[in-house]
Amino acid sequence: MKKSLQDMQVEVDDYINQFKTGYFSPLGQMARLTEEVGELAREINHHHGEKLKKSSEPAKEVEEELGDVLFVVLSMANSLDIDMTEAFDLVMKKFNQRDKFRFERNDGKND
């Protein structure tokens, strides 16, 4: 069964709320997000770039690192009371209006 962003936000909230610590501060979460994005970049570089993984490094996958980034983003959204479905809809509206003709289109329309 596919999960909606709302389902994922609830699942993250349930997970976080089982601990006394609760959500980290927004700045703490931003630091964690930066860390996770760095780990994602490292895996992308290992899988698709020029920098091969050292034999002593543990095996990780891009999928796992993307999941870590998503978890932190959902945590941050929850702590700031942001509905990620609404945030996604806003950004897609922006891209579909502002960037409608920014790149060469498959349908041949340019303006």
C-alpha atoms as a PDB file:
ATOM      1  CA  MET A   1       0.000   0.000   0.000  1.00  0.00           C
ATOM      2  CA  LYS A   2       1.328   3.428  -0.958  1.00  0.00           C
ATOM      3  CA  LYS A   3       1.566   6.027   1.787  1.00  0.00           C
ATOM      4  CA  SER A   4       0.600   9.652   1.366  1.00  0.00           C
ATOM      5  CA  LEU A   5       2.804  12.444   2.665  1.00  0.00           C
ATOM      6  CA  GLN A   6       0.220  12.921   5.413  1.00  0.00           C
ATOM      7  CA  ASP A   7       0.506   9.230   6.362  1.00  0.00           C
ATOM      8  CA  MET A   8       4.289   9.577   6.503  1.00  0.00           C
ATOM      9  CA  GLN A   9       4.076  12.711   8.648  1.00  0.00           C
ATOM     10  CA  VAL A  10       1.804  10.893  11.112  1.00  0.00           C
ATOM     11  CA  GLU A  11       4.156   7.894  11.214  1.00  0.00           C
ATOM     12  CA  VAL A  12       7.160  10.139  11.893  1.00  0.00           C
ATOM     13  CA  ASP A  13       5.194  12.017  14.573  1.00  0.00           C
ATOM     14  CA  ASP A  14       4.210   8.742  16.265  1.00  0.00           C
ATOM     15  CA  TYR A  15       7.843   7.625  16.214  1.00  0.00           C
ATOM     16  CA  ILE A  16       9.226  10.908  17.618  1.00  0.00           C
ATOM     17  CA  ASN A  17       6.558  11.214  20.315  1.00  0.00           C
ATOM     18  CA  GLN A  18       7.489   7.913  21.930  1.00  0.00           C
ATOM     19  CA  PHE A  19      10.666   9.595  23.252  1.00  0.00           C
ATOM     20  CA  LYS A  20      10.871  12.198  26.025  1.00  0.00           C
ATOM     21  CA  THR A  21      13.270  14.291  23.934  1.00  0.00           C
ATOM     22  CA  GLY A  22      10.635  14.909  21.263  1.00  0.00           C
ATOM     23  CA  TYR A  23      11.542  16.979  18.235  1.00  0.00           C
ATOM     24  CA  PHE A  24      14.923  18.682  18.017  1.00  0.00           C
ATOM     25  CA  SER A  25      14.977  22.455  17.599  1.00  0.00           C
ATOM     26  CA  PRO A  26      14.601  23.741  14.020  1.00  0.00           C
ATOM     27  CA  LEU A  27      18.303  24.639  14.008  1.00  0.00           C
ATOM     28  CA  GLY A  28      19.233  21.175  15.287  1.00  0.00           C
ATOM     29  CA  GLN A  29      17.084  19.619  12.585  1.00  0.00           C
ATOM     30  CA  MET A  30      18.686  21.833   9.944  1.00  0.00           C
ATOM     31  CA  ALA A  31      22.107  20.604  11.059  1.00  0.00           C
ATOM     32  CA  ARG A  32      20.877  17.025  10.858  1.00  0.00           C
ATOM     33  CA  LEU A  33      19.397  17.634   7.405  1.00  0.00           C
ATOM     34  CA  THR A  34      22.710  19.073   6.238  1.00  0.00           C
ATOM     35  CA  GLU A  35      24.479  15.981   7.572  1.00  0.00           C
ATOM     36  CA  GLU A  36      22.055  13.621   5.820  1.00  0.00           C
ATOM     37  CA  VAL A  37      22.283  15.512   2.511  1.00  0.00           C
ATOM     38  CA  GLY A  38      26.066  15.223   2.769  1.00  0.00           C
ATOM     39  CA  GLU A  39      25.764  11.461   3.235  1.00  0.00           C
ATOM     40  CA  LEU A  40      23.438  11.323   0.217  1.00  0.00           C
ATOM     41  CA  ALA A  41      25.959  13.301  -1.836  1.00  0.00           C
ATOM     42  CA  ARG A  42      28.685  10.883  -0.814  1.00  0.00           C
ATOM     43  CA  GLU A  43      26.629   7.874  -1.938  1.00  0.00           C
ATOM     44  CA  ILE A  44      25.722   9.544  -5.240  1.00  0.00           C
ATOM     45  CA  ASN A  45      29.411  10.232  -5.796  1.00  0.00           C
ATOM     46  CA  HIS A  46      30.274   6.585  -5.004  1.00  0.00           C
ATOM     47  CA  HIS A  47      27.581   5.164  -7.282  1.00  0.00           C
ATOM     48  CA  HIS A  48      27.571   7.699 -10.132  1.00  0.00           C
ATOM     49  CA  GLY A  49      30.690   9.792  -9.745  1.00  0.00           C
ATOM     50  CA  GLU A  50      34.401   9.475  -9.913  1.00  0.00           C
ATOM     51  CA  LYS A  51      35.049   8.763  -6.226  1.00  0.00           C
ATOM     52  CA  LEU A  52      34.950   5.046  -5.558  1.00  0.00           C
ATOM     53  CA  LYS A  53      34.078   3.765  -2.108  1.00  0.00           C
ATOM     54  CA  LYS A  54      36.963   2.522   0.027  1.00  0.00           C
ATOM     55  CA  SER A  55      36.871  -1.187   0.783  1.00  0.00           C
ATOM     56  CA  SER A  56      36.781  -0.324   4.494  1.00  0.00           C
ATOM     57  CA  GLU A  57      33.578   1.770   4.135  1.00  0.00           C
ATOM     58  CA  PRO A  58      30.242   0.123   4.937  1.00  0.00           C
ATOM     59  CA  ALA A  59      27.868  -0.597   2.079  1.00  0.00           C
ATOM     60  CA  LYS A  60      25.013   1.885   1.862  1.00  0.00           C
ATOM     61  CA  GLU A  61      22.544   2.661  -0.870  1.00  0.00           C
ATOM     62  CA  VAL A  62      21.236   5.895  -2.338  1.00  0.00           C
ATOM     63  CA  GLU A  63      17.706   4.747  -1.470  1.00  0.00           C
ATOM     64  CA  GLU A  64      18.569   4.549   2.245  1.00  0.00           C
ATOM     65  CA  GLU A  65      20.192   7.989   2.229  1.00  0.00           C
ATOM     66  CA  LEU A  66      17.206   9.538   0.418  1.00  0.00           C
ATOM     67  CA  GLY A  67      14.983   7.945   3.056  1.00  0.00           C
ATOM     68  CA  ASP A  68      17.065   9.545   5.808  1.00  0.00           C
ATOM     69  CA  VAL A  69      16.698  12.955   4.133  1.00  0.00           C
ATOM     70  CA  LEU A  70      12.928  12.461   3.816  1.00  0.00           C
ATOM     71  CA  PHE A  71      12.625  11.462   7.479  1.00  0.00           C
ATOM     72  CA  VAL A  72      14.411  14.617   8.617  1.00  0.00           C
ATOM     73  CA  VAL A  73      12.364  16.824   6.263  1.00  0.00           C
ATOM     74  CA  LEU A  74       9.134  15.301   7.594  1.00  0.00           C
ATOM     75  CA  SER A  75      10.363  15.741  11.172  1.00  0.00           C
ATOM     76  CA  MET A  76      11.123  19.388  10.518  1.00  0.00           C
ATOM     77  CA  ALA A  77       7.740  19.913   8.869  1.00  0.00           C
ATOM     78  CA  ASN A  78       5.960  18.320  11.820  1.00  0.00           C
ATOM     79  CA  SER A  79       7.822  20.415  14.372  1.00  0.00           C
ATOM     80  CA  LEU A  80       7.003  23.593  12.435  1.00  0.00           C
ATOM     81  CA  ASP A  81       3.367  22.520  11.879  1.00  0.00           C
ATOM     82  CA  ILE A  82       3.743  22.416   8.094  1.00  0.00           C
ATOM     83  CA  ASP A  83       1.550  20.109   6.016  1.00  0.00           C
ATOM     84  CA  MET A  84       3.913  18.694   3.410  1.00  0.00           C
ATOM     85  CA  THR A  85       1.100  17.949   0.974  1.00  0.00           C
ATOM     86  CA  GLU A  86       0.196  21.638   0.991  1.00  0.00           C
ATOM     87  CA  ALA A  87       3.884  22.600   0.729  1.00  0.00           C
ATOM     88  CA  PHE A  88       4.286  20.253  -2.250  1.00  0.00           C
ATOM     89  CA  ASP A  89       1.188  21.672  -3.960  1.00  0.00           C
ATOM     90  CA  LEU A  90       2.538  25.214  -3.504  1.00  0.00           C
ATOM     91  CA  VAL A  91       5.913  24.397  -5.001  1.00  0.00           C
ATOM     92  CA  MET A  92       4.409  22.514  -7.956  1.00  0.00           C
ATOM     93  CA  LYS A  93       2.116  25.473  -8.689  1.00  0.00           C
ATOM     94  CA  LYS A  94       5.179  27.725  -8.654  1.00  0.00           C
ATOM     95  CA  PHE A  95       7.174  25.427 -10.955  1.00  0.00           C
ATOM     96  CA  ASN A  96       4.248  24.948 -13.345  1.00  0.00           C
ATOM     97  CA  GLN A  97       3.752  28.708 -13.662  1.00  0.00           C
ATOM     98  CA  ARG A  98       7.225  30.215 -13.364  1.00  0.00           C
ATOM     99  CA  ASP A  99       9.154  27.467 -15.124  1.00  0.00           C
ATOM    100  CA  LYS A 100       6.564  26.317 -17.643  1.00  0.00           C
ATOM    101  CA  PHE A 101       8.782  27.243 -20.583  1.00  0.00           C
ATOM    102  CA  ARG A 102      12.157  27.371 -18.833  1.00  0.00           C
ATOM    103  CA  PHE A 103      13.443  24.159 -20.410  1.00  0.00           C
ATOM    104  CA  GLU A 104      12.974  22.645 -23.856  1.00  0.00           C
ATOM    105  CA  ARG A 105       9.655  20.853 -23.725  1.00  0.00           C
ATOM    106  CA  ASN A 106       8.809  17.389 -25.037  1.00  0.00           C
ATOM    107  CA  ASP A 107       5.538  18.685 -26.501  1.00  0.00           C
ATOM    108  CA  GLY A 108       7.322  21.301 -28.651  1.00  0.00           C
ATOM    109  CA  LYS A 109       5.611  24.258 -26.951  1.00  0.00           C
ATOM    110  CA  ASN A 110       8.045  27.053 -26.192  1.00  0.00           C
ATOM    111  CA  ASP A 111       5.812  29.972 -25.122  1.00  0.00           C
END
